[in-house]
Amino acid sequence: MSLVVEDYRPTRMMGTKEERIHATLKPRYENLTIYHYSGGLCEDLEQELIMYNPPNDDIKDAFESVVGILRPPQARSLYRRENNVITHARFGGVL
């Protein structure tokens, strides 16, 4: 499996950091498409999300960046059955 890393630098036209975080995460939390596990850095993330103006919002910002970039995986062609029979119209046979 290959991983492609692309440079991502938000511009001012995309809004402030708080606006981007709110626009990306709020609909997903409302639709219940984001789940948190207990333990680890999730407790710190949850505290940053709950507080209005946290002293440190790096985890929340990184989480928003990842969620904003994610796309569902595409179906692999390895699982598809393809017909590899080559025919020739002139002779009507199979090569």
Protein backbone atom coordinates (compact mmCIF):
# COMPACT_ATOMS: atom_id res chain seq x y z
CA MET A 1 0.00 0.00 0.00
CA SER A 2 1.40 3.40 -0.88
CA LEU A 3 0.92 6.62 1.04
CA VAL A 4 0.98 9.94 -0.74
CA VAL A 5 1.87 12.97 1.36
CA GLU A 6 0.79 16.30 -0.07
CA ASP A 7 1.68 19.72 1.26
CA TYR A 8 -1.35 21.42 2.82
CA ARG A 9 -1.25 25.08 3.75
CA PRO A 10 -4.60 26.74 4.50
CA THR A 11 -4.99 30.29 3.20
CA ARG A 12 -6.79 33.26 4.67
CA MET A 13 -9.57 32.77 2.15
CA MET A 14 -10.38 29.47 3.89
CA GLY A 15 -11.13 31.37 7.11
CA THR A 16 -9.55 31.53 10.51
CA LYS A 17 -8.39 28.42 12.33
CA GLU A 18 -11.48 28.36 14.54
CA GLU A 19 -13.82 28.78 11.55
CA ARG A 20 -12.12 25.93 9.66
CA ILE A 21 -12.28 23.66 12.70
CA HIS A 22 -15.94 24.49 13.29
CA ALA A 23 -16.90 24.06 9.60
CA THR A 24 -15.13 20.72 9.28
CA LEU A 25 -15.90 18.99 12.57
CA LYS A 26 -19.38 20.24 13.55
CA PRO A 27 -21.34 18.52 10.74
CA ARG A 28 -19.54 15.24 11.35
CA TYR A 29 -20.27 15.30 15.07
CA GLU A 30 -23.91 16.20 14.39
CA ASN A 31 -24.24 13.30 11.91
CA LEU A 32 -22.54 10.97 14.42
CA THR A 33 -19.82 9.97 11.94
CA ILE A 34 -16.94 10.53 14.40
CA TYR A 35 -16.43 8.21 17.35
CA HIS A 36 -13.88 8.52 20.18
CA TYR A 37 -12.23 5.65 22.00
CA SER A 38 -11.43 5.87 25.71
CA GLY A 39 -7.85 6.60 26.75
CA GLY A 40 -4.87 8.06 24.93
CA LEU A 41 -4.98 11.56 23.50
CA CYS A 42 -8.75 11.45 22.97
CA GLU A 43 -9.31 12.91 26.42
CA ASP A 44 -7.09 15.87 25.55
CA LEU A 45 -8.87 16.29 22.21
CA GLU A 46 -12.27 16.20 23.90
CA GLN A 47 -11.19 18.87 26.41
CA GLU A 48 -9.99 21.10 23.56
CA LEU A 49 -13.26 20.61 21.69
CA ILE A 50 -15.38 21.41 24.76
CA MET A 51 -13.52 24.56 25.80
CA TYR A 52 -14.39 27.78 23.97
CA ASN A 53 -10.88 29.21 23.90
CA PRO A 54 -8.41 26.53 25.05
CA PRO A 55 -4.84 27.58 25.89
CA ASN A 56 -3.53 24.97 23.46
CA ASP A 57 -5.50 23.78 20.42
CA ASP A 58 -2.87 21.85 18.49
CA ILE A 59 -4.58 18.47 18.77
CA LYS A 60 -7.91 19.93 17.64
CA ASP A 61 -6.22 21.69 14.70
CA ALA A 62 -4.34 18.56 13.62
CA PHE A 63 -7.53 16.49 13.89
CA GLU A 64 -9.42 19.00 11.73
CA SER A 65 -6.66 18.92 9.11
CA VAL A 66 -6.77 15.14 8.87
CA VAL A 67 -10.57 14.92 8.81
CA GLY A 68 -10.76 17.66 6.18
CA ILE A 69 -8.35 15.85 3.86
CA LEU A 70 -9.64 12.28 4.24
CA ARG A 71 -11.42 10.60 1.35
CA PRO A 72 -12.97 7.12 1.31
CA PRO A 73 -10.79 4.48 -0.33
CA GLN A 74 -11.44 3.61 -3.93
CA ALA A 75 -12.32 0.09 -4.94
CA ARG A 76 -9.28 -1.91 -5.95
CA SER A 77 -9.14 -3.45 -9.37
CA LEU A 78 -7.57 -6.60 -7.89
CA TYR A 79 -10.95 -7.70 -6.60
CA ARG A 80 -12.71 -7.22 -9.92
CA ARG A 81 -12.91 -10.04 -12.37
CA GLU A 82 -12.00 -8.87 -15.81
CA ASN A 83 -12.49 -10.61 -19.10
CA ASN A 84 -9.04 -10.81 -20.70
CA VAL A 85 -10.13 -12.69 -23.82
CA ILE A 86 -8.89 -10.93 -26.94
CA THR A 87 -10.92 -11.40 -30.09
CA HIS A 88 -10.23 -10.42 -33.66
CA ALA A 89 -13.20 -9.16 -35.67
CA ARG A 90 -11.77 -10.20 -39.05
CA PHE A 91 -11.34 -13.85 -38.19
CA GLY A 92 -14.06 -14.15 -35.56
CA GLY A 93 -11.88 -16.26 -33.35
CA VAL A 94 -10.16 -15.97 -30.04
CA LEU A 95 -6.46 -15.13 -30.02
